[in-house]
Amino acid sequence: LVQVEAGAVPDDRLLAAHRRPRALPAAGQALA
């Protein structure tokens, strides 16, 4: 989003975290 604010083309790897965030239920269950 910093890249977007600056008018730059955002890095696809970074933008993916905004578009399609990754939930971690398997890790949560493992930690519990």
PDB file of all heavy atoms in Angstrom:
ATOM      1  N   LEU A   1       0.815  -1.208   0.000  1.00  0.00           N
ATOM      2  CA  LEU A   1       0.000   0.000   0.000  1.00  0.00           C
ATOM      3  C   LEU A   1       0.853   1.264   0.000  1.00  0.00           C
ATOM      4  O   LEU A   1       0.432   2.303  -0.528  1.00  0.00           O
ATOM      5  CB  LEU A   1      -0.948  -0.024   1.197  1.00  0.00           C
ATOM      6  CG  LEU A   1      -2.009  -1.134   1.120  1.00  0.00           C
ATOM      7  CD1 LEU A   1      -2.803  -1.226   2.408  1.00  0.00           C
ATOM      8  CD2 LEU A   1      -2.933  -0.923  -0.070  1.00  0.00           C
ATOM      9  N   VAL A   2       2.053   1.187   0.558  1.00  0.00           N
ATOM     10  CA  VAL A   2       2.992   2.304   0.455  1.00  0.00           C
ATOM     11  C   VAL A   2       3.357   2.533  -1.005  1.00  0.00           C
ATOM     12  O   VAL A   2       3.431   3.675  -1.478  1.00  0.00           O
ATOM     13  CB  VAL A   2       4.251   2.037   1.309  1.00  0.00           C
ATOM     14  CG1 VAL A   2       5.383   2.993   0.936  1.00  0.00           C
ATOM     15  CG2 VAL A   2       3.929   2.176   2.794  1.00  0.00           C
ATOM     16  N   GLN A   3       3.599   1.454  -1.735  1.00  0.00           N
ATOM     17  CA  GLN A   3       3.899   1.585  -3.159  1.00  0.00           C
ATOM     18  C   GLN A   3       2.725   2.206  -3.915  1.00  0.00           C
ATOM     19  O   GLN A   3       2.918   3.054  -4.786  1.00  0.00           O
ATOM     20  CB  GLN A   3       4.241   0.216  -3.747  1.00  0.00           C
ATOM     21  CG  GLN A   3       5.568  -0.349  -3.265  1.00  0.00           C
ATOM     22  CD  GLN A   3       5.870  -1.696  -3.896  1.00  0.00           C
ATOM     23  OE1 GLN A   3       5.062  -2.627  -3.823  1.00  0.00           O
ATOM     24  NE2 GLN A   3       7.029  -1.804  -4.518  1.00  0.00           N
ATOM     25  N   VAL A   4       1.517   1.794  -3.580  1.00  0.00           N
ATOM     26  CA  VAL A   4       0.333   2.355  -4.232  1.00  0.00           C
ATOM     27  C   VAL A   4       0.223   3.844  -3.942  1.00  0.00           C
ATOM     28  O   VAL A   4      -0.030   4.657  -4.845  1.00  0.00           O
ATOM     29  CB  VAL A   4      -0.939   1.615  -3.755  1.00  0.00           C
ATOM     30  CG1 VAL A   4      -2.192   2.326  -4.247  1.00  0.00           C
ATOM     31  CG2 VAL A   4      -0.927   0.173  -4.241  1.00  0.00           C
ATOM     32  N   GLU A   5       0.427   4.223  -2.681  1.00  0.00           N
ATOM     33  CA  GLU A   5       0.377   5.640  -2.303  1.00  0.00           C
ATOM     34  C   GLU A   5       1.392   6.474  -3.085  1.00  0.00           C
ATOM     35  O   GLU A   5       1.138   7.626  -3.433  1.00  0.00           O
ATOM     36  CB  GLU A   5       0.658   5.801  -0.806  1.00  0.00           C
ATOM     37  CG  GLU A   5      -0.481   5.416   0.098  1.00  0.00           C
ATOM     38  CD  GLU A   5      -0.133   5.659   1.553  1.00  0.00           C
ATOM     39  OE1 GLU A   5       1.063   5.818   1.877  1.00  0.00           O
ATOM     40  OE2 GLU A   5      -1.052   5.700   2.379  1.00  0.00           O
ATOM     41  N   ALA A   6       2.551   5.865  -3.344  1.00  0.00           N
ATOM     42  CA  ALA A   6       3.624   6.584  -4.038  1.00  0.00           C
ATOM     43  C   ALA A   6       3.439   6.606  -5.552  1.00  0.00           C
ATOM     44  O   ALA A   6       4.247   7.206  -6.273  1.00  0.00           O
ATOM     45  CB  ALA A   6       4.969   5.948  -3.695  1.00  0.00           C
ATOM     46  N   GLY A   7       2.396   5.942  -6.042  1.00  0.00           N
ATOM     47  CA  GLY A   7       2.152   5.909  -7.481  1.00  0.00           C
ATOM     48  C   GLY A   7       2.994   4.892  -8.211  1.00  0.00           C
ATOM     49  O   GLY A   7       3.056   4.909  -9.450  1.00  0.00           O
ATOM     50  N   ALA A   8       3.649   4.011  -7.474  1.00  0.00           N
ATOM     51  CA  ALA A   8       4.483   2.972  -8.080  1.00  0.00           C
ATOM     52  C   ALA A   8       3.652   1.724  -8.347  1.00  0.00           C
ATOM     53  O   ALA A   8       2.599   1.516  -7.743  1.00  0.00           O
ATOM     54  CB  ALA A   8       5.650   2.636  -7.158  1.00  0.00           C
ATOM     55  N   VAL A   9       4.134   0.910  -9.253  1.00  0.00           N
ATOM     56  CA  VAL A   9       3.488  -0.375  -9.498  1.00  0.00           C
ATOM     57  C   VAL A   9       3.847  -1.300  -8.338  1.00  0.00           C
ATOM     58  O   VAL A   9       5.025  -1.573  -8.102  1.00  0.00           O
ATOM     59  CB  VAL A   9       3.967  -0.993 -10.827  1.00  0.00           C
ATOM     60  CG1 VAL A   9       3.334  -2.370 -11.021  1.00  0.00           C
ATOM     61  CG2 VAL A   9       3.622  -0.078 -11.987  1.00  0.00           C
ATOM     62  N   PRO A  10       2.857  -1.781  -7.582  1.00  0.00           N
ATOM     63  CA  PRO A  10       3.182  -2.588  -6.408  1.00  0.00           C
ATOM     64  C   PRO A  10       3.758  -3.944  -6.777  1.00  0.00           C
ATOM     65  O   PRO A  10       3.391  -4.533  -7.793  1.00  0.00           O
ATOM     66  CB  PRO A  10       1.832  -2.732  -5.696  1.00  0.00           C
ATOM     67  CG  PRO A  10       0.814  -2.488  -6.748  1.00  0.00           C
ATOM     68  CD  PRO A  10       1.417  -1.542  -7.730  1.00  0.00           C
ATOM     69  N   ASP A  11       4.670  -4.392  -5.949  1.00  0.00           N
ATOM     70  CA  ASP A  11       5.253  -5.722  -6.085  1.00  0.00           C
ATOM     71  C   ASP A  11       4.135  -6.751  -5.916  1.00  0.00           C
ATOM     72  O   ASP A  11       3.404  -6.734  -4.927  1.00  0.00           O
ATOM     73  CB  ASP A  11       6.325  -5.901  -4.994  1.00  0.00           C
ATOM     74  CG  ASP A  11       7.067  -7.217  -5.100  1.00  0.00           C
ATOM     75  OD1 ASP A  11       6.409  -8.269  -5.173  1.00  0.00           O
ATOM     76  OD2 ASP A  11       8.317  -7.201  -5.079  1.00  0.00           O
ATOM     77  N   ASP A  12       3.993  -7.649  -6.879  1.00  0.00           N
ATOM     78  CA  ASP A  12       2.905  -8.629  -6.836  1.00  0.00           C
ATOM     79  C   ASP A  12       2.950  -9.489  -5.581  1.00  0.00           C
ATOM     80  O   ASP A  12       1.903  -9.854  -5.032  1.00  0.00           O
ATOM     81  CB  ASP A  12       2.941  -9.531  -8.069  1.00  0.00           C
ATOM     82  CG  ASP A  12       2.407  -8.841  -9.318  1.00  0.00           C
ATOM     83  OD1 ASP A  12       1.686  -7.833  -9.170  1.00  0.00           O
ATOM     84  OD2 ASP A  12       2.726  -9.300 -10.430  1.00  0.00           O
ATOM     85  N   ARG A  13       4.158  -9.815  -5.108  1.00  0.00           N
ATOM     86  CA  ARG A  13       4.269 -10.643  -3.896  1.00  0.00           C
ATOM     87  C   ARG A  13       3.712  -9.903  -2.689  1.00  0.00           C
ATOM     88  O   ARG A  13       3.064 -10.510  -1.826  1.00  0.00           O
ATOM     89  CB  ARG A  13       5.721 -11.015  -3.644  1.00  0.00           C
ATOM     90  CG  ARG A  13       6.373 -11.886  -4.707  1.00  0.00           C
ATOM     91  CD  ARG A  13       7.869 -11.950  -4.468  1.00  0.00           C
ATOM     92  NE  ARG A  13       8.475 -10.624  -4.534  1.00  0.00           N
ATOM     93  CZ  ARG A  13       9.713 -10.345  -4.130  1.00  0.00           C
ATOM     94  NH1 ARG A  13      10.467 -11.305  -3.609  1.00  0.00           N
ATOM     95  NH2 ARG A  13      10.193  -9.118  -4.240  1.00  0.00           N
ATOM     96  N   LEU A  14       3.956  -8.603  -2.628  1.00  0.00           N
ATOM     97  CA  LEU A  14       3.464  -7.814  -1.506  1.00  0.00           C
ATOM     98  C   LEU A  14       1.968  -7.546  -1.627  1.00  0.00           C
ATOM     99  O   LEU A  14       1.222  -7.649  -0.646  1.00  0.00           O
ATOM    100  CB  LEU A  14       4.232  -6.486  -1.428  1.00  0.00           C
ATOM    101  CG  LEU A  14       5.740  -6.601  -1.222  1.00  0.00           C
ATOM    102  CD1 LEU A  14       6.378  -5.225  -1.235  1.00  0.00           C
ATOM    103  CD2 LEU A  14       6.058  -7.316   0.094  1.00  0.00           C
ATOM    104  N   LEU A  15       1.537  -7.221  -2.835  1.00  0.00           N
ATOM    105  CA  LEU A  15       0.118  -6.932  -3.032  1.00  0.00           C
ATOM    106  C   LEU A  15      -0.740  -8.164  -2.764  1.00  0.00           C
ATOM    107  O   LEU A  15      -1.888  -8.048  -2.314  1.00  0.00           O
ATOM    108  CB  LEU A  15      -0.119  -6.414  -4.447  1.00  0.00           C
ATOM    109  CG  LEU A  15      -1.498  -5.827  -4.737  1.00  0.00           C
ATOM    110  CD1 LEU A  15      -1.830  -4.698  -3.757  1.00  0.00           C
ATOM    111  CD2 LEU A  15      -1.584  -5.347  -6.183  1.00  0.00           C
ATOM    112  N   ALA A  16      -0.188  -9.356  -3.017  1.00  0.00           N
ATOM    113  CA  ALA A  16      -0.934 -10.587  -2.738  1.00  0.00           C
ATOM    114  C   ALA A  16      -1.293 -10.696  -1.264  1.00  0.00           C
ATOM    115  O   ALA A  16      -2.342 -11.259  -0.910  1.00  0.00           O
ATOM    116  CB  ALA A  16      -0.115 -11.804  -3.171  1.00  0.00           C
ATOM    117  N   ALA A  17      -0.446 -10.159  -0.379  1.00  0.00           N
ATOM    118  CA  ALA A  17      -0.732 -10.210   1.055  1.00  0.00           C
ATOM    119  C   ALA A  17      -1.934  -9.349   1.408  1.00  0.00           C
ATOM    120  O   ALA A  17      -2.653  -9.633   2.367  1.00  0.00           O
ATOM    121  CB  ALA A  17       0.491  -9.744   1.847  1.00  0.00           C
ATOM    122  N   HIS A  18      -2.170  -8.278   0.653  1.00  0.00           N
ATOM    123  CA  HIS A  18      -3.356  -7.441   0.849  1.00  0.00           C
ATOM    124  C   HIS A  18      -4.582  -8.067   0.189  1.00  0.00           C
ATOM    125  O   HIS A  18      -5.664  -8.095   0.767  1.00  0.00           O
ATOM    126  CB  HIS A  18      -3.101  -6.055   0.266  1.00  0.00           C
ATOM    127  CG  HIS A  18      -4.339  -5.217   0.132  1.00  0.00           C
ATOM    128  ND1 HIS A  18      -4.986  -4.674   1.221  1.00  0.00           N
ATOM    129  CD2 HIS A  18      -5.058  -4.845  -0.964  1.00  0.00           C
ATOM    130  CE1 HIS A  18      -6.054  -4.000   0.804  1.00  0.00           C
ATOM    131  NE2 HIS A  18      -6.112  -4.087  -0.519  1.00  0.00           N
ATOM    132  N   ARG A  19      -4.388  -8.577  -1.032  1.00  0.00           N
ATOM    133  CA  ARG A  19      -5.516  -9.127  -1.784  1.00  0.00           C
ATOM    134  C   ARG A  19      -6.015 -10.450  -1.205  1.00  0.00           C
ATOM    135  O   ARG A  19      -7.217 -10.658  -1.043  1.00  0.00           O
ATOM    136  CB  ARG A  19      -5.102  -9.363  -3.231  1.00  0.00           C
ATOM    137  CG  ARG A  19      -4.947  -8.130  -4.080  1.00  0.00           C
ATOM    138  CD  ARG A  19      -4.361  -8.521  -5.431  1.00  0.00           C
ATOM    139  NE  ARG A  19      -4.430  -7.430  -6.400  1.00  0.00           N
ATOM    140  CZ  ARG A  19      -3.711  -7.402  -7.505  1.00  0.00           C
ATOM    141  NH1 ARG A  19      -2.879  -8.398  -7.786  1.00  0.00           N
ATOM    142  NH2 ARG A  19      -3.825  -6.380  -8.342  1.00  0.00           N
ATOM    143  N   ARG A  20      -5.081 -11.339  -0.963  1.00  0.00           N
ATOM    144  CA  ARG A  20      -5.437 -12.693  -0.526  1.00  0.00           C
ATOM    145  C   ARG A  20      -4.584 -13.091   0.677  1.00  0.00           C
ATOM    146  O   ARG A  20      -3.649 -13.892   0.560  1.00  0.00           O
ATOM    147  CB  ARG A  20      -5.263 -13.693  -1.668  1.00  0.00           C
ATOM    148  CG  ARG A  20      -6.221 -13.430  -2.828  1.00  0.00           C
ATOM    149  CD  ARG A  20      -6.406 -14.650  -3.698  1.00  0.00           C
ATOM    150  NE  ARG A  20      -7.474 -14.446  -4.649  1.00  0.00           N
ATOM    151  CZ  ARG A  20      -8.245 -15.420  -5.147  1.00  0.00           C
ATOM    152  NH1 ARG A  20      -8.040 -16.674  -4.774  1.00  0.00           N
ATOM    153  NH2 ARG A  20      -9.204 -15.151  -6.007  1.00  0.00           N
ATOM    154  N   PRO A  21      -4.900 -12.526   1.838  1.00  0.00           N
ATOM    155  CA  PRO A  21      -4.103 -12.848   3.040  1.00  0.00           C
ATOM    156  C   PRO A  21      -4.175 -14.332   3.377  1.00  0.00           C
ATOM    157  O   PRO A  21      -5.148 -15.016   3.048  1.00  0.00           O
ATOM    158  CB  PRO A  21      -4.744 -11.999   4.137  1.00  0.00           C
ATOM    159  CG  PRO A  21      -6.110 -11.673   3.630  1.00  0.00           C
ATOM    160  CD  PRO A  21      -5.997 -11.604   2.148  1.00  0.00           C
ATOM    161  N   ARG A  22      -3.129 -14.771   4.042  1.00  0.00           N
ATOM    162  CA  ARG A  22      -2.994 -16.187   4.396  1.00  0.00           C
ATOM    163  C   ARG A  22      -3.342 -16.371   5.869  1.00  0.00           C
ATOM    164  O   ARG A  22      -2.714 -15.794   6.746  1.00  0.00           O
ATOM    165  CB  ARG A  22      -1.550 -16.621   4.143  1.00  0.00           C
ATOM    166  CG  ARG A  22      -1.240 -18.058   4.485  1.00  0.00           C
ATOM    167  CD  ARG A  22       0.240 -18.324   4.383  1.00  0.00           C
ATOM    168  NE  ARG A  22       1.008 -17.603   5.403  1.00  0.00           N
ATOM    169  CZ  ARG A  22       2.169 -18.002   5.892  1.00  0.00           C
ATOM    170  NH1 ARG A  22       2.714 -19.108   5.452  1.00  0.00           N
ATOM    171  NH2 ARG A  22       2.798 -17.295   6.792  1.00  0.00           N
ATOM    172  N   ALA A  23      -4.370 -17.152   6.136  1.00  0.00           N
ATOM    173  CA  ALA A  23      -4.696 -17.519   7.515  1.00  0.00           C
ATOM    174  C   ALA A  23      -3.899 -18.763   7.902  1.00  0.00           C
ATOM    175  O   ALA A  23      -3.466 -19.530   7.041  1.00  0.00           O
ATOM    176  CB  ALA A  23      -6.190 -17.779   7.660  1.00  0.00           C
ATOM    177  N   LEU A  24      -3.712 -18.976   9.208  1.00  0.00           N
ATOM    178  CA  LEU A  24      -2.835 -20.049   9.682  1.00  0.00           C
ATOM    179  C   LEU A  24      -3.527 -20.973  10.692  1.00  0.00           C
ATOM    180  O   LEU A  24      -3.033 -21.180  11.799  1.00  0.00           O
ATOM    181  CB  LEU A  24      -1.580 -19.442  10.321  1.00  0.00           C
ATOM    182  CG  LEU A  24      -0.728 -18.526   9.443  1.00  0.00           C
ATOM    183  CD1 LEU A  24       0.410 -17.925  10.258  1.00  0.00           C
ATOM    184  CD2 LEU A  24      -0.179 -19.297   8.249  1.00  0.00           C
ATOM    185  N   PRO A  25      -4.670 -21.577  10.324  1.00  0.00           N
ATOM    186  CA  PRO A  25      -5.333 -22.449  11.295  1.00  0.00           C
ATOM    187  C   PRO A  25      -4.519 -23.684  11.675  1.00  0.00           C
ATOM    188  O   PRO A  25      -4.561 -24.120  12.828  1.00  0.00           O
ATOM    189  CB  PRO A  25      -6.644 -22.836  10.605  1.00  0.00           C
ATOM    190  CG  PRO A  25      -6.386 -22.613   9.144  1.00  0.00           C
ATOM    191  CD  PRO A  25      -5.443 -21.456   9.074  1.00  0.00           C
ATOM    192  N   ALA A  26      -3.774 -24.244  10.734  1.00  0.00           N
ATOM    193  CA  ALA A  26      -2.965 -25.419  11.073  1.00  0.00           C
ATOM    194  C   ALA A  26      -1.887 -25.050  12.086  1.00  0.00           C
ATOM    195  O   ALA A  26      -1.634 -25.790  13.052  1.00  0.00           O
ATOM    196  CB  ALA A  26      -2.335 -26.008   9.815  1.00  0.00           C
ATOM    197  N   ALA A  27      -1.242 -23.894  11.887  1.00  0.00           N
ATOM    198  CA  ALA A  27      -0.226 -23.448  12.846  1.00  0.00           C
ATOM    199  C   ALA A  27      -0.859 -23.130  14.192  1.00  0.00           C
ATOM    200  O   ALA A  27      -0.294 -23.437  15.249  1.00  0.00           O
ATOM    201  CB  ALA A  27       0.498 -22.220  12.300  1.00  0.00           C
ATOM    202  N   GLY A  28      -2.037 -22.509  14.178  1.00  0.00           N
ATOM    203  CA  GLY A  28      -2.719 -22.204  15.433  1.00  0.00           C
ATOM    204  C   GLY A  28      -3.041 -23.448  16.228  1.00  0.00           C
ATOM    205  O   GLY A  28      -2.842 -23.490  17.459  1.00  0.00           O
ATOM    206  N   GLN A  29      -3.524 -24.473  15.547  1.00  0.00           N
ATOM    207  CA  GLN A  29      -3.830 -25.730  16.235  1.00  0.00           C
ATOM    208  C   GLN A  29      -2.557 -26.400  16.753  1.00  0.00           C
ATOM    209  O   GLN A  29      -2.543 -26.954  17.846  1.00  0.00           O
ATOM    210  CB  GLN A  29      -4.577 -26.663  15.287  1.00  0.00           C
ATOM    211  CG  GLN A  29      -5.972 -26.165  14.923  1.00  0.00           C
ATOM    212  CD  GLN A  29      -6.563 -26.938  13.766  1.00  0.00           C
ATOM    213  OE1 GLN A  29      -6.915 -28.116  13.908  1.00  0.00           O
ATOM    214  NE2 GLN A  29      -6.660 -26.308  12.606  1.00  0.00           N
ATOM    215  N   ALA A  30      -1.493 -26.328  15.967  1.00  0.00           N
ATOM    216  CA  ALA A  30      -0.227 -26.925  16.390  1.00  0.00           C
ATOM    217  C   ALA A  30       0.322 -26.222  17.627  1.00  0.00           C
ATOM    218  O   ALA A  30       0.782 -26.869  18.585  1.00  0.00           O
ATOM    219  CB  ALA A  30       0.788 -26.864  15.251  1.00  0.00           C
ATOM    220  N   LEU A  31       0.277 -24.890  17.630  1.00  0.00           N
ATOM    221  CA  LEU A  31       0.772 -24.130  18.783  1.00  0.00           C
ATOM    222  C   LEU A  31      -0.080 -24.404  20.017  1.00  0.00           C
ATOM    223  O   LEU A  31       0.441 -24.557  21.126  1.00  0.00           O
ATOM    224  CB  LEU A  31       0.780 -22.639  18.449  1.00  0.00           C
ATOM    225  CG  LEU A  31       1.841 -22.206  17.445  1.00  0.00           C
ATOM    226  CD1 LEU A  31       1.531 -20.820  16.893  1.00  0.00           C
ATOM    227  CD2 LEU A  31       3.222 -22.224  18.097  1.00  0.00           C
ATOM    228  N   ALA A  32      -1.393 -24.478  19.830  1.00  0.00           N
ATOM    229  CA  ALA A  32      -2.285 -24.765  20.956  1.00  0.00           C
ATOM    230  C   ALA A  32      -1.993 -26.136  21.551  1.00  0.00           C
ATOM    231  O   ALA A  32      -2.019 -26.324  22.770  1.00  0.00           O
ATOM    232  CB  ALA A  32      -3.738 -24.689  20.499  1.00  0.00           C
TER     233      ALA A  32
END
